[in-house]
Amino acid sequence: MPTIRVEMFEGRTIEQKREMAEVFTREMARIAKIAPDAIQVLFDEYRRDNWAVGGTLYADKTK
Protein backbone atom coordinates (compact mmCIF):
# COMPACT_ATOMS: atom_id res chain seq x y z
CA MET A 1 0.00 0.00 0.00
CA PRO A 2 1.91 3.12 -1.17
CA THR A 3 1.91 6.07 1.18
CA ILE A 4 2.52 9.64 0.07
CA ARG A 5 3.68 11.78 2.98
CA VAL A 6 3.40 15.56 2.68
CA GLU A 7 5.26 17.68 5.21
CA MET A 8 4.43 21.38 5.11
CA PHE A 9 3.75 24.44 7.20
CA GLU A 10 0.27 24.69 8.64
CA GLY A 11 -2.22 27.02 7.03
CA ARG A 12 -3.67 25.21 4.01
CA THR A 13 -7.43 24.98 3.83
CA ILE A 14 -9.27 21.68 3.89
CA GLU A 15 -10.26 22.36 0.27
CA GLN A 16 -6.59 22.64 -0.70
CA LYS A 17 -5.76 19.40 1.10
CA ARG A 18 -8.69 17.64 -0.58
CA GLU A 19 -7.41 18.74 -3.98
CA MET A 20 -3.83 17.71 -3.19
CA ALA A 21 -5.00 14.29 -1.97
CA GLU A 22 -7.05 13.76 -5.13
CA VAL A 23 -4.28 14.86 -7.51
CA PHE A 24 -1.48 12.98 -5.72
CA THR A 25 -3.61 9.83 -5.60
CA ARG A 26 -4.70 10.05 -9.23
CA GLU A 27 -1.18 10.63 -10.52
CA MET A 28 0.44 7.96 -8.33
CA ALA A 29 -2.16 5.45 -9.49
CA ARG A 30 -1.56 6.41 -13.13
CA ILE A 31 2.22 6.28 -12.95
CA ALA A 32 2.49 3.18 -10.73
CA LYS A 33 -0.43 1.44 -12.46
CA ILE A 34 -2.19 0.62 -9.20
CA ALA A 35 -5.70 1.14 -7.87
CA PRO A 36 -6.35 4.53 -6.23
CA ASP A 37 -7.86 2.71 -3.24
CA ALA A 38 -4.40 1.30 -2.46
CA ILE A 39 -2.85 4.76 -1.98
CA GLN A 40 -2.68 6.68 1.28
CA VAL A 41 -1.86 10.38 1.60
CA LEU A 42 -0.71 11.72 4.97
CA PHE A 43 -0.45 15.43 5.74
CA ASP A 44 1.94 16.44 8.49
CA GLU A 45 1.60 20.13 9.26
CA TYR A 46 4.09 22.10 11.30
CA ARG A 47 4.15 25.53 12.87
CA ARG A 48 7.00 27.72 11.67
CA ASP A 49 8.54 27.60 15.14
CA ASN A 50 8.91 23.81 14.81
CA TRP A 51 10.96 23.82 11.59
CA ALA A 52 14.50 25.08 11.08
CA VAL A 53 16.92 25.22 8.16
CA GLY A 54 20.57 26.10 8.49
CA GLY A 55 20.17 26.51 12.23
CA THR A 56 17.45 29.15 11.93
CA LEU A 57 13.78 28.63 12.73
CA TYR A 58 11.42 29.60 9.94
CA ALA A 59 9.53 31.65 12.52
CA ASP A 60 12.63 33.84 12.83
CA LYS A 61 13.10 34.12 9.06
CA THR A 62 9.66 35.65 8.54
CA LYS A 63 10.09 38.48 11.05
C-alpha atoms as a PDB file:
ATOM      1  CA  MET A   1       0.000   0.000   0.000  1.00  0.00           C
ATOM      2  CA  PRO A   2       1.913   3.117  -1.171  1.00  0.00           C
ATOM      3  CA  THR A   3       1.911   6.073   1.179  1.00  0.00           C
ATOM      4  CA  ILE A   4       2.525   9.643   0.070  1.00  0.00           C
ATOM      5  CA  ARG A   5       3.676  11.778   2.978  1.00  0.00           C
ATOM      6  CA  VAL A   6       3.397  15.561   2.679  1.00  0.00           C
ATOM      7  CA  GLU A   7       5.256  17.684   5.211  1.00  0.00           C
ATOM      8  CA  MET A   8       4.427  21.378   5.109  1.00  0.00           C
ATOM      9  CA  PHE A   9       3.752  24.436   7.199  1.00  0.00           C
ATOM     10  CA  GLU A  10       0.271  24.691   8.640  1.00  0.00           C
ATOM     11  CA  GLY A  11      -2.223  27.018   7.031  1.00  0.00           C
ATOM     12  CA  ARG A  12      -3.667  25.211   4.009  1.00  0.00           C
ATOM     13  CA  THR A  13      -7.434  24.976   3.827  1.00  0.00           C
ATOM     14  CA  ILE A  14      -9.269  21.680   3.894  1.00  0.00           C
ATOM     15  CA  GLU A  15     -10.264  22.358   0.273  1.00  0.00           C
ATOM     16  CA  GLN A  16      -6.587  22.640  -0.702  1.00  0.00           C
ATOM     17  CA  LYS A  17      -5.760  19.395   1.098  1.00  0.00           C
ATOM     18  CA  ARG A  18      -8.689  17.636  -0.582  1.00  0.00           C
ATOM     19  CA  GLU A  19      -7.407  18.742  -3.981  1.00  0.00           C
ATOM     20  CA  MET A  20      -3.827  17.710  -3.191  1.00  0.00           C
ATOM     21  CA  ALA A  21      -5.000  14.290  -1.973  1.00  0.00           C
ATOM     22  CA  GLU A  22      -7.053  13.762  -5.135  1.00  0.00           C
ATOM     23  CA  VAL A  23      -4.280  14.855  -7.507  1.00  0.00           C
ATOM     24  CA  PHE A  24      -1.480  12.976  -5.719  1.00  0.00           C
ATOM     25  CA  THR A  25      -3.612   9.828  -5.603  1.00  0.00           C
ATOM     26  CA  ARG A  26      -4.697  10.048  -9.231  1.00  0.00           C
ATOM     27  CA  GLU A  27      -1.177  10.634 -10.520  1.00  0.00           C
ATOM     28  CA  MET A  28       0.437   7.961  -8.331  1.00  0.00           C
ATOM     29  CA  ALA A  29      -2.162   5.454  -9.485  1.00  0.00           C
ATOM     30  CA  ARG A  30      -1.564   6.408 -13.133  1.00  0.00           C
ATOM     31  CA  ILE A  31       2.221   6.282 -12.948  1.00  0.00           C
ATOM     32  CA  ALA A  32       2.491   3.183 -10.731  1.00  0.00           C
ATOM     33  CA  LYS A  33      -0.432   1.442 -12.455  1.00  0.00           C
ATOM     34  CA  ILE A  34      -2.187   0.620  -9.197  1.00  0.00           C
ATOM     35  CA  ALA A  35      -5.695   1.136  -7.869  1.00  0.00           C
ATOM     36  CA  PRO A  36      -6.349   4.525  -6.230  1.00  0.00           C
ATOM     37  CA  ASP A  37      -7.856   2.706  -3.238  1.00  0.00           C
ATOM     38  CA  ALA A  38      -4.403   1.305  -2.462  1.00  0.00           C
ATOM     39  CA  ILE A  39      -2.846   4.756  -1.982  1.00  0.00           C
ATOM     40  CA  GLN A  40      -2.681   6.675   1.276  1.00  0.00           C
ATOM     41  CA  VAL A  41      -1.865  10.382   1.604  1.00  0.00           C
ATOM     42  CA  LEU A  42      -0.714  11.724   4.966  1.00  0.00           C
ATOM     43  CA  PHE A  43      -0.455  15.430   5.738  1.00  0.00           C
ATOM     44  CA  ASP A  44       1.941  16.445   8.495  1.00  0.00           C
ATOM     45  CA  GLU A  45       1.602  20.129   9.258  1.00  0.00           C
ATOM     46  CA  TYR A  46       4.090  22.102  11.297  1.00  0.00           C
ATOM     47  CA  ARG A  47       4.147  25.526  12.871  1.00  0.00           C
ATOM     48  CA  ARG A  48       6.997  27.715  11.674  1.00  0.00           C
ATOM     49  CA  ASP A  49       8.540  27.604  15.136  1.00  0.00           C
ATOM     50  CA  ASN A  50       8.913  23.814  14.810  1.00  0.00           C
ATOM     51  CA  TRP A  51      10.957  23.823  11.587  1.00  0.00           C
ATOM     52  CA  ALA A  52      14.498  25.077  11.082  1.00  0.00           C
ATOM     53  CA  VAL A  53      16.922  25.216   8.161  1.00  0.00           C
ATOM     54  CA  GLY A  54      20.575  26.097   8.492  1.00  0.00           C
ATOM     55  CA  GLY A  55      20.171  26.507  12.234  1.00  0.00           C
ATOM     56  CA  THR A  56      17.450  29.153  11.929  1.00  0.00           C
ATOM     57  CA  LEU A  57      13.777  28.634  12.729  1.00  0.00           C
ATOM     58  CA  TYR A  58      11.423  29.604   9.936  1.00  0.00           C
ATOM     59  CA  ALA A  59       9.531  31.647  12.523  1.00  0.00           C
ATOM     60  CA  ASP A  60      12.626  33.836  12.830  1.00  0.00           C
ATOM     61  CA  LYS A  61      13.095  34.120   9.059  1.00  0.00           C
ATOM     62  CA  THR A  62       9.658  35.653   8.535  1.00  0.00           C
ATOM     63  CA  LYS A  63      10.086  38.479  11.053  1.00  0.00           C
END
